[in-house]
Amino acid sequence: MTRVKAIYRSWAIPCSGKQVYAPRHRVEWLGKISEAGVRRRAEFYYQQLDALRTVRQQVRRDLLAEGKKHQAWKRLCQIPSISDNPKKLWATTPWFGFFLSAVFIASSRRSLSVSKPTKQNGGHS
């Protein structure tokens, strides 16, 4: 997203806010760039942004679906702020996705880990 704004800033075109990213305003924003090559680069960045938004939405859905399969999900849903609406928490709390991923990675590693052998003879050699 910052690449798009960087192009406009490099041409001294003010671009505060999020309107510069909105698909319905793209023609207007692209019209502000007079150089054809730079305009084409901005179009490529917009295409990348659209693709990343689509992938991000799919990954978000997949992670939530996978999360519901794990025991940790049930524990997380016992926390009042999460149990009310986990999807809302996901959308409003940037760290939640990382936290949820870490919980599942940790739980899957625990299930794959091999237990240490116990000492025999009470630890005497």
Protein backbone atom coordinates (compact mmCIF):
# COMPACT_ATOMS: atom_id res chain seq x y z
CA MET A 1 0.00 0.00 0.00
CA THR A 2 2.84 2.37 0.73
CA ARG A 3 4.21 1.90 -2.79
CA VAL A 4 1.08 3.45 -4.24
CA LYS A 5 1.36 6.50 -2.02
CA ALA A 6 5.11 6.69 -2.65
CA ILE A 7 4.48 7.24 -6.35
CA TYR A 8 2.10 10.13 -5.68
CA ARG A 9 4.42 11.65 -3.09
CA SER A 10 7.38 11.45 -5.47
CA TRP A 11 5.38 13.58 -7.90
CA ALA A 12 4.41 16.03 -5.12
CA ILE A 13 0.78 14.93 -5.25
CA PRO A 14 -0.80 15.06 -1.76
CA CYS A 15 -2.39 11.71 -0.91
CA SER A 16 -3.38 11.56 2.74
CA GLY A 17 -6.08 9.18 3.89
CA LYS A 18 -7.31 5.97 2.29
CA GLN A 19 -9.14 7.34 -0.73
CA VAL A 20 -6.06 6.79 -2.89
CA TYR A 21 -6.55 3.00 -2.47
CA ALA A 22 -10.29 2.90 -3.21
CA PRO A 23 -11.10 1.23 -6.54
CA ARG A 24 -13.86 3.73 -7.32
CA HIS A 25 -11.38 6.64 -7.17
CA ARG A 26 -8.55 5.04 -9.15
CA VAL A 27 -9.25 6.74 -12.46
CA GLU A 28 -9.23 10.09 -10.71
CA TRP A 29 -5.96 9.34 -8.92
CA LEU A 30 -4.25 7.88 -11.96
CA GLY A 31 -5.28 10.98 -13.92
CA LYS A 32 -3.14 13.08 -11.60
CA ILE A 33 0.02 11.39 -12.92
CA SER A 34 1.10 12.98 -16.20
CA GLU A 35 4.02 10.63 -17.02
CA ALA A 36 2.79 7.50 -18.86
CA GLY A 37 5.46 5.16 -17.45
CA VAL A 38 4.84 6.25 -13.89
CA ARG A 39 1.08 5.92 -14.39
CA ARG A 40 1.60 2.38 -15.69
CA ARG A 41 3.72 1.53 -12.63
CA ALA A 42 0.92 2.84 -10.39
CA GLU A 43 -1.55 0.62 -12.27
CA PHE A 44 0.68 -2.40 -11.58
CA TYR A 45 0.79 -1.50 -7.89
CA TYR A 46 -2.99 -1.25 -7.82
CA GLN A 47 -3.22 -4.70 -9.43
CA GLN A 48 -0.87 -6.09 -6.78
CA LEU A 49 -2.91 -4.43 -4.05
CA ASP A 50 -6.13 -5.98 -5.37
CA ALA A 51 -4.53 -9.42 -5.53
CA LEU A 52 -3.14 -9.10 -2.00
CA ARG A 53 -6.52 -8.03 -0.63
CA THR A 54 -8.12 -11.12 -2.15
CA VAL A 55 -5.40 -13.42 -0.78
CA ARG A 56 -5.58 -11.76 2.64
CA GLN A 57 -9.33 -12.36 2.86
CA GLN A 58 -8.91 -16.01 1.89
CA VAL A 59 -6.09 -16.56 4.37
CA ARG A 60 -8.16 -14.93 7.11
CA ARG A 61 -11.08 -17.29 6.39
CA ASP A 62 -8.78 -20.32 6.25
CA LEU A 63 -7.03 -19.44 9.50
CA LEU A 64 -10.32 -18.98 11.34
CA ALA A 65 -11.63 -22.27 9.95
CA GLU A 66 -8.42 -24.07 10.94
CA GLY A 67 -8.47 -22.43 14.35
CA LYS A 68 -11.86 -23.87 15.16
CA LYS A 69 -10.39 -27.37 14.80
CA HIS A 70 -7.95 -26.92 17.69
CA GLN A 71 -8.56 -27.22 21.41
CA ALA A 72 -7.04 -23.78 21.96
CA TRP A 73 -10.01 -22.26 20.12
CA LYS A 74 -12.39 -23.46 22.82
CA ARG A 75 -10.22 -21.87 25.50
CA LEU A 76 -9.93 -18.62 23.59
CA CYS A 77 -13.71 -18.50 23.23
CA GLN A 78 -14.04 -18.67 27.02
CA ILE A 79 -12.50 -15.20 27.21
CA PRO A 80 -15.45 -12.75 27.17
CA SER A 81 -14.03 -10.28 24.64
CA ILE A 82 -13.28 -13.10 22.21
CA SER A 83 -16.34 -15.28 22.78
CA ASP A 84 -18.73 -12.44 21.87
CA ASN A 85 -17.55 -12.36 18.28
CA PRO A 86 -14.15 -13.83 17.32
CA LYS A 87 -14.35 -12.43 13.77
CA LYS A 88 -14.94 -8.93 15.11
CA LEU A 89 -11.95 -9.24 17.41
CA TRP A 90 -9.87 -10.46 14.48
CA ALA A 91 -10.84 -7.41 12.43
CA THR A 92 -10.28 -4.84 15.16
CA THR A 93 -7.21 -6.24 16.90
CA PRO A 94 -4.14 -6.48 14.65
CA TRP A 95 -2.21 -8.76 17.01
CA PHE A 96 -4.99 -11.34 17.27
CA GLY A 97 -4.06 -13.08 14.01
CA PHE A 98 -0.45 -13.41 15.09
CA PHE A 99 -1.50 -14.61 18.54
CA LEU A 100 -3.87 -17.18 17.07
CA SER A 101 -1.20 -18.41 14.65
CA ALA A 102 1.32 -18.72 17.47
CA VAL A 103 -1.11 -20.72 19.59
CA PHE A 104 -1.74 -23.21 16.79
CA ILE A 105 1.92 -23.51 15.85
CA ALA A 106 2.84 -24.11 19.48
CA SER A 107 0.07 -26.67 19.95
CA SER A 108 1.00 -28.52 16.76
CA ARG A 109 4.67 -28.60 17.76
CA ARG A 110 3.74 -29.98 21.14
CA SER A 111 1.79 -32.79 19.51
CA LEU A 112 4.70 -33.58 17.16
CA SER A 113 7.45 -33.43 19.76
CA VAL A 114 9.03 -36.57 21.09
CA SER A 115 9.10 -36.92 24.84
CA LYS A 116 12.47 -37.15 26.56
CA PRO A 117 13.40 -40.59 27.83
CA THR A 118 13.10 -40.96 31.56
CA LYS A 119 16.15 -41.84 33.66
CA GLN A 120 16.22 -45.41 34.81
CA ASN A 121 17.39 -46.69 38.18
CA GLY A 122 16.47 -43.43 39.89
CA GLY A 123 19.09 -41.48 37.96
CA HIS A 124 22.06 -43.54 39.24
CA SER A 125 24.67 -44.80 36.78
